[in-house]
């Protein structure tokens, strides 16, 4: 078993089959098939359950995939470590939509200015999808909302978001779920922690929304809220980007629910100079709008504080 075999094995899993993996690896299909079978022979286990032309990971394959991810990540980290510590290459960053649209333009512009040899890719999604992508090695790091599992990640708090409920202008004060008129939630797909918080808010009061309408963007949510279709829970900072603010009413949440931390996460043990450079910028002196929370010593990063 060598790293090349593990790389091919993981590529087959990520691509969903031999054909697409061969295209991604620029190899012929027969070569990929042979290398996978050689790996199975070497380990004396079946890594895939073959159903015609479709492949499904066996229990042993699922176990090996976790080790393959860690070994390949460590190998990449070793390659970077033996060279200079200057950030270079591709940085695949994930972020929630609100963070990407409001928080990141200035920091990413500064990152590009300081480190022109780094090519930045930004991918948006909800916390669940982004965390999974980091674990699978599809993203190097991601900005997500707590709660996030501690064990697989290293994470550093970056922003503290104030959350508010929005409804149509003129809506009566929303002090409980019973005040929502109509009692419908406008939210992202499951996996969004803000959606979960609003659902929990209803549930804790013994209420259920009549319906949850899934949206693909905050502007769509705010527009539908302004039209009286329902209520939504959003970071207050996204309201500054909505041109129809006068058509909305904004309602505070109880103090125990109205704040959420946004953290930068990466796979445990997989920090690179590119991630370190990003962390330095994100936790450095903020502009007036973006107020990163103060860093505490942890994760081997040293102490950095922002005023």
C-alpha atoms as a PDB file:
ATOM      1  CA  UNK A   1       0.000   0.000   0.000  1.00  0.00           C
ATOM      2  CA  UNK A   2       1.403   3.385  -0.983  1.00  0.00           C
ATOM      3  CA  UNK A   3       0.119   6.939  -1.180  1.00  0.00           C
ATOM      4  CA  UNK A   4      -0.542   6.691  -4.913  1.00  0.00           C
ATOM      5  CA  UNK A   5      -2.863   3.730  -4.340  1.00  0.00           C
ATOM      6  CA  UNK A   6      -4.673   5.596  -1.575  1.00  0.00           C
ATOM      7  CA  UNK A   7      -5.033   8.639  -3.814  1.00  0.00           C
ATOM      8  CA  UNK A   8      -6.572   6.537  -6.580  1.00  0.00           C
ATOM      9  CA  UNK A   9      -8.867   4.792  -4.098  1.00  0.00           C
ATOM     10  CA  UNK A  10     -10.085   8.099  -2.658  1.00  0.00           C
ATOM     11  CA  UNK A  11     -10.564   9.552  -6.148  1.00  0.00           C
ATOM     12  CA  UNK A  12     -12.816   6.632  -7.087  1.00  0.00           C
ATOM     13  CA  UNK A  13     -14.904   7.246  -3.955  1.00  0.00           C
ATOM     14  CA  UNK A  14     -15.156  10.996  -4.523  1.00  0.00           C
ATOM     15  CA  UNK A  15     -15.906  10.665  -8.243  1.00  0.00           C
ATOM     16  CA  UNK A  16     -18.491   7.969  -7.665  1.00  0.00           C
ATOM     17  CA  UNK A  17     -16.963   5.393  -9.985  1.00  0.00           C
ATOM     18  CA  UNK A  18     -14.015   4.211 -12.057  1.00  0.00           C
ATOM     19  CA  UNK A  19     -14.856   6.123 -15.249  1.00  0.00           C
ATOM     20  CA  UNK A  20     -15.083   9.571 -13.696  1.00  0.00           C
ATOM     21  CA  UNK A  21     -12.075   8.916 -11.479  1.00  0.00           C
ATOM     22  CA  UNK A  22     -10.011   7.921 -14.521  1.00  0.00           C
ATOM     23  CA  UNK A  23     -10.988  11.163 -16.250  1.00  0.00           C
ATOM     24  CA  UNK A  24     -10.093  13.201 -13.179  1.00  0.00           C
ATOM     25  CA  UNK A  25      -6.757  11.403 -12.760  1.00  0.00           C
ATOM     26  CA  UNK A  26      -5.975  11.446 -16.500  1.00  0.00           C
ATOM     27  CA  UNK A  27      -5.548   7.680 -16.509  1.00  0.00           C
ATOM     28  CA  UNK A  28      -7.145   4.909 -18.525  1.00  0.00           C
ATOM     29  CA  UNK A  29      -9.976   3.060 -16.791  1.00  0.00           C
ATOM     30  CA  UNK A  30      -8.174  -0.277 -16.842  1.00  0.00           C
ATOM     31  CA  UNK A  31      -5.243   1.223 -14.934  1.00  0.00           C
ATOM     32  CA  UNK A  32      -7.520   2.619 -12.221  1.00  0.00           C
ATOM     33  CA  UNK A  33      -9.370  -0.694 -11.945  1.00  0.00           C
ATOM     34  CA  UNK A  34      -6.097  -2.591 -11.666  1.00  0.00           C
ATOM     35  CA  UNK A  35      -4.719  -0.305  -8.967  1.00  0.00           C
ATOM     36  CA  UNK A  36      -7.896  -0.632  -6.896  1.00  0.00           C
ATOM     37  CA  UNK A  37      -7.832  -4.433  -7.173  1.00  0.00           C
ATOM     38  CA  UNK A  38      -4.130  -4.471  -6.260  1.00  0.00           C
ATOM     39  CA  UNK A  39      -4.918  -2.440  -3.160  1.00  0.00           C
ATOM     40  CA  UNK A  40      -7.674  -4.873  -2.227  1.00  0.00           C
ATOM     41  CA  UNK A  41      -5.294  -7.810  -2.753  1.00  0.00           C
ATOM     42  CA  UNK A  42      -2.597  -6.106  -0.689  1.00  0.00           C
ATOM     43  CA  UNK A  43      -5.004  -5.518   2.210  1.00  0.00           C
ATOM     44  CA  UNK A  44      -6.841  -8.804   1.666  1.00  0.00           C
ATOM     45  CA  UNK A  45     -10.226  -7.081   1.962  1.00  0.00           C
ATOM     46  CA  UNK A  46     -12.998  -6.024  -0.387  1.00  0.00           C
ATOM     47  CA  UNK A  47     -13.116  -2.228  -0.518  1.00  0.00           C
ATOM     48  CA  UNK A  48     -16.127  -1.921  -2.809  1.00  0.00           C
ATOM     49  CA  UNK A  49     -19.367  -3.810  -3.223  1.00  0.00           C
ATOM     50  CA  UNK A  50     -19.861  -4.117  -6.962  1.00  0.00           C
ATOM     51  CA  UNK A  51     -23.401  -3.817  -8.290  1.00  0.00           C
ATOM     52  CA  UNK A  52     -23.057  -4.074 -12.048  1.00  0.00           C
ATOM     53  CA  UNK A  53     -21.127  -0.975 -13.085  1.00  0.00           C
ATOM     54  CA  UNK A  54     -21.879   0.775  -9.799  1.00  0.00           C
ATOM     55  CA  UNK A  55     -19.554   0.717  -6.815  1.00  0.00           C
ATOM     56  CA  UNK A  56     -20.541   1.063  -3.174  1.00  0.00           C
ATOM     57  CA  UNK A  57     -18.052   1.319  -0.316  1.00  0.00           C
ATOM     58  CA  UNK A  58     -17.851  -1.797   1.827  1.00  0.00           C
ATOM     59  CA  UNK A  59     -17.488  -1.458   5.617  1.00  0.00           C
ATOM     60  CA  UNK A  60     -13.722  -2.002   5.215  1.00  0.00           C
ATOM     61  CA  UNK A  61     -13.666   0.622   2.458  1.00  0.00           C
ATOM     62  CA  UNK A  62     -15.362   3.177   4.697  1.00  0.00           C
ATOM     63  CA  UNK A  63     -12.778   2.524   7.391  1.00  0.00           C
ATOM     64  CA  UNK A  64      -9.881   2.824   4.947  1.00  0.00           C
ATOM     65  CA  UNK A  65     -11.269   6.059   3.501  1.00  0.00           C
ATOM     66  CA  UNK A  66     -10.874   7.806   6.842  1.00  0.00           C
ATOM     67  CA  UNK A  67      -7.259   6.675   7.116  1.00  0.00           C
ATOM     68  CA  UNK A  68      -6.611   7.578   3.474  1.00  0.00           C
ATOM     69  CA  UNK A  69      -7.909  11.108   4.063  1.00  0.00           C
ATOM     70  CA  UNK A  70      -5.651  11.561   7.071  1.00  0.00           C
ATOM     71  CA  UNK A  71      -2.564  10.045   5.437  1.00  0.00           C
ATOM     72  CA  UNK A  72      -2.943  12.065   2.235  1.00  0.00           C
ATOM     73  CA  UNK A  73      -3.532  15.244   4.217  1.00  0.00           C
ATOM     74  CA  UNK A  74      -0.423  14.597   6.302  1.00  0.00           C
ATOM     75  CA  UNK A  75       1.580  13.873   3.149  1.00  0.00           C
ATOM     76  CA  UNK A  76       0.474  17.184   1.639  1.00  0.00           C
ATOM     77  CA  UNK A  77       1.289  18.964   4.882  1.00  0.00           C
ATOM     78  CA  UNK A  78       4.746  17.364   4.852  1.00  0.00           C
ATOM     79  CA  UNK A  79       5.374  18.512   1.285  1.00  0.00           C
ATOM     80  CA  UNK A  80       4.437  22.060   2.227  1.00  0.00           C
ATOM     81  CA  UNK A  81       6.488  21.932   5.422  1.00  0.00           C
ATOM     82  CA  UNK A  82       9.742  20.969   3.703  1.00  0.00           C
ATOM     83  CA  UNK A  83       9.397  23.936   1.382  1.00  0.00           C
ATOM     84  CA  UNK A  84       9.235  27.522   2.549  1.00  0.00           C
ATOM     85  CA  UNK A  85       6.330  28.628   4.700  1.00  0.00           C
ATOM     86  CA  UNK A  86       5.173  31.218   2.165  1.00  0.00           C
ATOM     87  CA  UNK A  87       1.509  30.686   1.232  1.00  0.00           C
ATOM     88  CA  UNK A  88       1.168  29.517  -2.359  1.00  0.00           C
ATOM     89  CA  UNK A  89      -1.033  27.285  -4.483  1.00  0.00           C
ATOM     90  CA  UNK A  90      -4.784  26.728  -4.272  1.00  0.00           C
ATOM     91  CA  UNK A  91      -6.841  27.658  -1.200  1.00  0.00           C
ATOM     92  CA  UNK A  92     -10.361  26.228  -1.294  1.00  0.00           C
ATOM     93  CA  UNK A  93     -12.429  28.177   1.205  1.00  0.00           C
ATOM     94  CA  UNK A  94     -16.049  27.531   2.152  1.00  0.00           C
ATOM     95  CA  UNK A  95     -18.391  30.039   3.757  1.00  0.00           C
ATOM     96  CA  UNK A  96     -22.036  30.556   4.573  1.00  0.00           C
ATOM     97  CA  UNK A  97     -23.773  32.939   2.192  1.00  0.00           C
ATOM     98  CA  UNK A  98     -24.136  35.741   4.742  1.00  0.00           C
ATOM     99  CA  UNK A  99     -20.439  35.526   5.606  1.00  0.00           C
ATOM    100  CA  UNK A 100     -19.359  35.361   1.964  1.00  0.00           C
ATOM    101  CA  UNK A 101     -21.455  38.313   0.843  1.00  0.00           C
ATOM    102  CA  UNK A 102     -20.967  40.697   3.758  1.00  0.00           C
ATOM    103  CA  UNK A 103     -17.911  39.704   5.794  1.00  0.00           C
ATOM    104  CA  UNK A 104     -15.406  38.376   3.270  1.00  0.00           C
ATOM    105  CA  UNK A 105     -14.996  40.879   0.405  1.00  0.00           C
ATOM    106  CA  UNK A 106     -12.505  43.061   2.280  1.00  0.00           C
ATOM    107  CA  UNK A 107     -10.477  40.237   3.950  1.00  0.00           C
ATOM    108  CA  UNK A 108     -10.218  38.235   0.717  1.00  0.00           C
ATOM    109  CA  UNK A 109      -9.161  41.330  -1.205  1.00  0.00           C
ATOM    110  CA  UNK A 110      -6.435  41.887   1.381  1.00  0.00           C
ATOM    111  CA  UNK A 111      -5.429  38.220   1.186  1.00  0.00           C
ATOM    112  CA  UNK A 112      -5.047  38.481  -2.593  1.00  0.00           C
ATOM    113  CA  UNK A 113      -2.985  41.648  -2.206  1.00  0.00           C
ATOM    114  CA  UNK A 114      -0.608  40.075   0.322  1.00  0.00           C
ATOM    115  CA  UNK A 115      -0.350  36.625  -1.243  1.00  0.00           C
ATOM    116  CA  UNK A 116      -0.719  36.848  -5.034  1.00  0.00           C
ATOM    117  CA  UNK A 117       0.741  33.342  -5.421  1.00  0.00           C
ATOM    118  CA  UNK A 118      -2.338  31.855  -3.769  1.00  0.00           C
ATOM    119  CA  UNK A 119      -5.323  31.101  -5.985  1.00  0.00           C
ATOM    120  CA  UNK A 120      -8.516  31.490  -3.982  1.00  0.00           C
ATOM    121  CA  UNK A 121     -11.660  29.470  -4.589  1.00  0.00           C
ATOM    122  CA  UNK A 122     -14.770  30.410  -2.591  1.00  0.00           C
ATOM    123  CA  UNK A 123     -17.629  27.934  -2.173  1.00  0.00           C
ATOM    124  CA  UNK A 124     -20.874  28.748  -0.351  1.00  0.00           C
ATOM    125  CA  UNK A 125     -23.196  26.378   1.475  1.00  0.00           C
ATOM    126  CA  UNK A 126     -24.732  25.597   4.823  1.00  0.00           C
ATOM    127  CA  UNK A 127     -22.725  24.564   7.860  1.00  0.00           C
ATOM    128  CA  UNK A 128     -23.440  20.838   7.512  1.00  0.00           C
ATOM    129  CA  UNK A 129     -22.362  20.660   3.863  1.00  0.00           C
ATOM    130  CA  UNK A 130     -19.276  22.807   4.405  1.00  0.00           C
ATOM    131  CA  UNK A 131     -18.088  20.784   7.405  1.00  0.00           C
ATOM    132  CA  UNK A 132     -18.529  17.558   5.436  1.00  0.00           C
ATOM    133  CA  UNK A 133     -16.571  19.016   2.515  1.00  0.00           C
ATOM    134  CA  UNK A 134     -13.698  19.922   4.854  1.00  0.00           C
ATOM    135  CA  UNK A 135     -13.639  16.389   6.257  1.00  0.00           C
ATOM    136  CA  UNK A 136     -13.637  14.891   2.749  1.00  0.00           C
ATOM    137  CA  UNK A 137     -10.725  17.091   1.694  1.00  0.00           C
ATOM    138  CA  UNK A 138     -12.853  18.986  -0.824  1.00  0.00           C
ATOM    139  CA  UNK A 139     -12.267  22.244   1.073  1.00  0.00           C
ATOM    140  CA  UNK A 140      -9.174  23.375   2.965  1.00  0.00           C
ATOM    141  CA  UNK A 141     -11.127  25.450   5.482  1.00  0.00           C
ATOM    142  CA  UNK A 142     -14.584  26.907   6.000  1.00  0.00           C
ATOM    143  CA  UNK A 143     -16.360  29.650   7.904  1.00  0.00           C
ATOM    144  CA  UNK A 144     -19.383  28.067   9.575  1.00  0.00           C
ATOM    145  CA  UNK A 145     -21.774  28.740  12.435  1.00  0.00           C
ATOM    146  CA  UNK A 146     -21.587  26.946  15.740  1.00  0.00           C
ATOM    147  CA  UNK A 147     -22.382  24.314  16.870  1.00  0.00           C
ATOM    148  CA  UNK A 148     -19.708  22.280  15.060  1.00  0.00           C
ATOM    149  CA  UNK A 149     -18.239  18.990  16.298  1.00  0.00           C
ATOM    150  CA  UNK A 150     -14.929  19.467  18.117  1.00  0.00           C
ATOM    151  CA  UNK A 151     -13.240  16.116  17.505  1.00  0.00           C
ATOM    152  CA  UNK A 152     -12.516  16.198  13.751  1.00  0.00           C
ATOM    153  CA  UNK A 153     -11.691  19.899  13.491  1.00  0.00           C
ATOM    154  CA  UNK A 154      -9.486  22.656  14.711  1.00  0.00           C
ATOM    155  CA  UNK A 155     -11.509  25.844  14.911  1.00  0.00           C
ATOM    156  CA  UNK A 156     -11.070  29.466  15.817  1.00  0.00           C
ATOM    157  CA  UNK A 157     -13.918  31.918  16.556  1.00  0.00           C
ATOM    158  CA  UNK A 158     -13.877  34.785  14.056  1.00  0.00           C
ATOM    159  CA  UNK A 159     -17.219  36.643  14.131  1.00  0.00           C
ATOM    160  CA  UNK A 160     -20.025  37.071  16.617  1.00  0.00           C
ATOM    161  CA  UNK A 161     -23.309  37.519  14.730  1.00  0.00           C
ATOM    162  CA  UNK A 162     -26.426  39.139  16.154  1.00  0.00           C
ATOM    163  CA  UNK A 163     -29.513  37.266  14.970  1.00  0.00           C
ATOM    164  CA  UNK A 164     -32.904  38.906  14.461  1.00  0.00           C
ATOM    165  CA  UNK A 165     -36.348  37.869  13.252  1.00  0.00           C
ATOM    166  CA  UNK A 166     -37.648  39.701  10.189  1.00  0.00           C
ATOM    167  CA  UNK A 167     -41.243  40.026   9.025  1.00  0.00           C
ATOM    168  CA  UNK A 168     -43.296  42.379   6.864  1.00  0.00           C
ATOM    169  CA  UNK A 169     -43.394  46.049   7.800  1.00  0.00           C
ATOM    170  CA  UNK A 170     -46.183  46.752  10.252  1.00  0.00           C
ATOM    171  CA  UNK A 171     -46.150  43.232  11.691  1.00  0.00           C
ATOM    172  CA  UNK A 172     -47.103  43.197  15.369  1.00  0.00           C
ATOM    173  CA  UNK A 173     -44.192  42.715  17.807  1.00  0.00           C
ATOM    174  CA  UNK A 174     -42.938  39.125  17.726  1.00  0.00           C
ATOM    175  CA  UNK A 175     -42.239  38.158  21.320  1.00  0.00           C
ATOM    176  CA  UNK A 176     -43.170  34.505  20.918  1.00  0.00           C
ATOM    177  CA  UNK A 177     -43.854  32.027  18.139  1.00  0.00           C
ATOM    178  CA  UNK A 178     -47.597  32.639  18.607  1.00  0.00           C
ATOM    179  CA  UNK A 179     -47.123  36.199  17.333  1.00  0.00           C
ATOM    180  CA  UNK A 180     -45.897  35.070  13.886  1.00  0.00           C
ATOM    181  CA  UNK A 181     -48.514  35.920  11.253  1.00  0.00           C
ATOM    182  CA  UNK A 182     -48.596  33.840   9.149  1.00  0.00           C
ATOM    183  CA  UNK A 183     -46.749  31.141  11.144  1.00  0.00           C
ATOM    184  CA  UNK A 184     -44.495  30.145   8.268  1.00  0.00           C
ATOM    185  CA  UNK A 185     -40.687  29.985   8.238  1.00  0.00           C
ATOM    186  CA  UNK A 186     -38.568  31.233   5.338  1.00  0.00           C
ATOM    187  CA  UNK A 187     -35.190  29.480   5.529  1.00  0.00           C
ATOM    188  CA  UNK A 188     -32.362  27.682   3.807  1.00  0.00           C
ATOM    189  CA  UNK A 189     -32.399  23.912   3.373  1.00  0.00           C
ATOM    190  CA  UNK A 190     -31.806  21.607   6.378  1.00  0.00           C
ATOM    191  CA  UNK A 191     -28.274  21.943   7.701  1.00  0.00           C
ATOM    192  CA  UNK A 192     -28.502  25.695   8.286  1.00  0.00           C
ATOM    193  CA  UNK A 193     -28.006  26.360  12.039  1.00  0.00           C
ATOM    194  CA  UNK A 194     -30.121  29.540  11.872  1.00  0.00           C
ATOM    195  CA  UNK A 195     -33.050  27.563  10.485  1.00  0.00           C
ATOM    196  CA  UNK A 196     -32.588  24.992  13.250  1.00  0.00           C
ATOM    197  CA  UNK A 197     -32.562  27.734  15.867  1.00  0.00           C
ATOM    198  CA  UNK A 198     -35.844  29.169  14.579  1.00  0.00           C
ATOM    199  CA  UNK A 199     -37.452  25.719  14.449  1.00  0.00           C
ATOM    200  CA  UNK A 200     -36.273  25.060  18.019  1.00  0.00           C
ATOM    201  CA  UNK A 201     -37.701  28.430  19.099  1.00  0.00           C
ATOM    202  CA  UNK A 202     -41.114  27.343  17.829  1.00  0.00           C
ATOM    203  CA  UNK A 203     -40.802  23.877  19.386  1.00  0.00           C
ATOM    204  CA  UNK A 204     -39.757  25.145  22.829  1.00  0.00           C
ATOM    205  CA  UNK A 205     -42.972  27.149  22.969  1.00  0.00           C
ATOM    206  CA  UNK A 206     -45.115  24.200  21.940  1.00  0.00           C
ATOM    207  CA  UNK A 207     -45.766  25.653  18.499  1.00  0.00           C
ATOM    208  CA  UNK A 208     -45.198  24.363  14.981  1.00  0.00           C
ATOM    209  CA  UNK A 209     -44.896  26.474  11.835  1.00  0.00           C
ATOM    210  CA  UNK A 210     -47.600  25.805   9.263  1.00  0.00           C
ATOM    211  CA  UNK A 211     -44.919  25.409   6.639  1.00  0.00           C
ATOM    212  CA  UNK A 212     -41.200  25.872   6.019  1.00  0.00           C
ATOM    213  CA  UNK A 213     -40.470  27.492   2.657  1.00  0.00           C
ATOM    214  CA  UNK A 214     -36.894  26.823   1.544  1.00  0.00           C
ATOM    215  CA  UNK A 215     -35.008  29.645  -0.158  1.00  0.00           C
ATOM    216  CA  UNK A 216     -31.662  29.796  -1.929  1.00  0.00           C
ATOM    217  CA  UNK A 217     -30.534  33.269  -0.829  1.00  0.00           C
ATOM    218  CA  UNK A 218     -31.015  35.831   1.906  1.00  0.00           C
ATOM    219  CA  UNK A 219     -32.374  38.392  -0.557  1.00  0.00           C
ATOM    220  CA  UNK A 220     -35.094  35.917  -1.548  1.00  0.00           C
ATOM    221  CA  UNK A 221     -35.923  35.349   2.131  1.00  0.00           C
ATOM    222  CA  UNK A 222     -36.052  39.054   2.900  1.00  0.00           C
ATOM    223  CA  UNK A 223     -38.147  39.760  -0.185  1.00  0.00           C
ATOM    224  CA  UNK A 224     -40.676  37.081   0.758  1.00  0.00           C
ATOM    225  CA  UNK A 225     -40.739  38.303   4.366  1.00  0.00           C
ATOM    226  CA  UNK A 226     -41.417  41.846   3.109  1.00  0.00           C
ATOM    227  CA  UNK A 227     -44.308  40.444   1.051  1.00  0.00           C
ATOM    228  CA  UNK A 228     -45.854  38.947   4.190  1.00  0.00           C
ATOM    229  CA  UNK A 229     -45.206  35.295   3.321  1.00  0.00           C
ATOM    230  CA  UNK A 230     -43.664  34.424   6.686  1.00  0.00           C
ATOM    231  CA  UNK A 231     -40.823  35.179   9.074  1.00  0.00           C
ATOM    232  CA  UNK A 232     -37.122  34.441   8.915  1.00  0.00           C
ATOM    233  CA  UNK A 233     -34.126  34.421  11.238  1.00  0.00           C
ATOM    234  CA  UNK A 234     -31.093  36.203   9.781  1.00  0.00           C
ATOM    235  CA  UNK A 235     -27.840  37.815  10.905  1.00  0.00           C
ATOM    236  CA  UNK A 236     -28.553  41.502  11.376  1.00  0.00           C
ATOM    237  CA  UNK A 237     -25.608  42.391   9.187  1.00  0.00           C
ATOM    238  CA  UNK A 238     -27.297  41.045   6.018  1.00  0.00           C
ATOM    239  CA  UNK A 239     -30.012  43.694   6.341  1.00  0.00           C
ATOM    240  CA  UNK A 240     -27.542  46.349   5.209  1.00  0.00           C
ATOM    241  CA  UNK A 241     -27.400  44.681   1.779  1.00  0.00           C
ATOM    242  CA  UNK A 242     -31.186  44.618   1.255  1.00  0.00           C
ATOM    243  CA  UNK A 243     -32.553  47.613  -0.683  1.00  0.00           C
ATOM    244  CA  UNK A 244     -36.145  47.078   0.492  1.00  0.00           C
ATOM    245  CA  UNK A 245     -35.400  47.447   4.186  1.00  0.00           C
ATOM    246  CA  UNK A 246     -38.295  49.888   4.689  1.00  0.00           C
ATOM    247  CA  UNK A 247     -40.678  47.054   3.825  1.00  0.00           C
ATOM    248  CA  UNK A 248     -39.430  44.929   6.734  1.00  0.00           C
ATOM    249  CA  UNK A 249     -39.903  44.927  10.476  1.00  0.00           C
ATOM    250  CA  UNK A 250     -37.070  43.670  12.684  1.00  0.00           C
ATOM    251  CA  UNK A 251     -37.733  41.831  15.941  1.00  0.00           C
ATOM    252  CA  UNK A 252     -35.170  40.922  18.636  1.00  0.00           C
ATOM    253  CA  UNK A 253     -34.724  37.428  20.029  1.00  0.00           C
ATOM    254  CA  UNK A 254     -34.255  36.605  23.722  1.00  0.00           C
ATOM    255  CA  UNK A 255     -30.675  37.212  24.857  1.00  0.00           C
ATOM    256  CA  UNK A 256     -29.867  33.496  25.101  1.00  0.00           C
ATOM    257  CA  UNK A 257     -30.730  33.001  21.411  1.00  0.00           C
ATOM    258  CA  UNK A 258     -29.732  36.187  19.654  1.00  0.00           C
ATOM    259  CA  UNK A 259     -26.017  35.560  19.073  1.00  0.00           C
ATOM    260  CA  UNK A 260     -24.109  32.932  17.124  1.00  0.00           C
ATOM    261  CA  UNK A 261     -20.392  32.467  16.659  1.00  0.00           C
ATOM    262  CA  UNK A 262     -18.915  32.048  13.207  1.00  0.00           C
ATOM    263  CA  UNK A 263     -15.755  29.941  13.355  1.00  0.00           C
ATOM    264  CA  UNK A 264     -13.025  29.069  10.882  1.00  0.00           C
ATOM    265  CA  UNK A 265     -12.585  25.290  10.775  1.00  0.00           C
ATOM    266  CA  UNK A 266     -10.056  22.974   9.157  1.00  0.00           C
ATOM    267  CA  UNK A 267      -9.252  19.291   9.600  1.00  0.00           C
ATOM    268  CA  UNK A 268      -7.408  18.590  12.816  1.00  0.00           C
ATOM    269  CA  UNK A 269      -3.677  18.494  12.176  1.00  0.00           C
ATOM    270  CA  UNK A 270      -4.027  19.858   8.648  1.00  0.00           C
ATOM    271  CA  UNK A 271      -3.266  23.553   9.040  1.00  0.00           C
ATOM    272  CA  UNK A 272      -1.172  24.967   6.206  1.00  0.00           C
ATOM    273  CA  UNK A 273       0.601  28.315   5.690  1.00  0.00           C
ATOM    274  CA  UNK A 274      -2.349  29.337   3.504  1.00  0.00           C
ATOM    275  CA  UNK A 275      -4.814  28.777   6.341  1.00  0.00           C
ATOM    276  CA  UNK A 276      -2.510  30.462   8.840  1.00  0.00           C
ATOM    277  CA  UNK A 277      -2.295  33.532   6.593  1.00  0.00           C
ATOM    278  CA  UNK A 278      -6.072  33.663   6.250  1.00  0.00           C
ATOM    279  CA  UNK A 279      -6.487  33.370   9.999  1.00  0.00           C
ATOM    280  CA  UNK A 280      -4.050  36.233  10.516  1.00  0.00           C
ATOM    281  CA  UNK A 281      -6.141  38.492   8.282  1.00  0.00           C
ATOM    282  CA  UNK A 282      -9.528  37.429   9.648  1.00  0.00           C
ATOM    283  CA  UNK A 283      -8.482  38.000  13.262  1.00  0.00           C
ATOM    284  CA  UNK A 284      -6.479  41.145  12.588  1.00  0.00           C
ATOM    285  CA  UNK A 285      -7.681  44.727  13.133  1.00  0.00           C
ATOM    286  CA  UNK A 286     -11.245  44.864  11.753  1.00  0.00           C
ATOM    287  CA  UNK A 287     -12.987  47.542   9.771  1.00  0.00           C
ATOM    288  CA  UNK A 288     -15.991  49.272  11.315  1.00  0.00           C
ATOM    289  CA  UNK A 289     -18.597  46.838   9.963  1.00  0.00           C
ATOM    290  CA  UNK A 290     -16.855  43.518  10.565  1.00  0.00           C
ATOM    291  CA  UNK A 291     -16.121  42.973  14.230  1.00  0.00           C
ATOM    292  CA  UNK A 292     -14.159  39.754  14.724  1.00  0.00           C
ATOM    293  CA  UNK A 293     -14.364  38.448  18.247  1.00  0.00           C
ATOM    294  CA  UNK A 294     -11.244  38.434  20.376  1.00  0.00           C
ATOM    295  CA  UNK A 295      -8.978  35.455  19.951  1.00  0.00           C
ATOM    296  CA  UNK A 296      -7.978  33.346  22.908  1.00  0.00           C
ATOM    297  CA  UNK A 297      -4.902  31.209  23.025  1.00  0.00           C
ATOM    298  CA  UNK A 298      -5.717  27.798  21.593  1.00  0.00           C
ATOM    299  CA  UNK A 299      -5.103  25.298  18.820  1.00  0.00           C
ATOM    300  CA  UNK A 300      -1.425  26.219  18.819  1.00  0.00           C
ATOM    301  CA  UNK A 301      -2.103  29.544  17.147  1.00  0.00           C
ATOM    302  CA  UNK A 302      -0.778  31.910  19.795  1.00  0.00           C
ATOM    303  CA  UNK A 303      -2.622  35.010  20.940  1.00  0.00           C
ATOM    304  CA  UNK A 304      -4.135  37.532  18.604  1.00  0.00           C
ATOM    305  CA  UNK A 305      -6.708  40.054  19.682  1.00  0.00           C
ATOM    306  CA  UNK A 306      -8.788  42.564  17.801  1.00  0.00           C
ATOM    307  CA  UNK A 307      -9.979  45.834  19.308  1.00  0.00           C
END
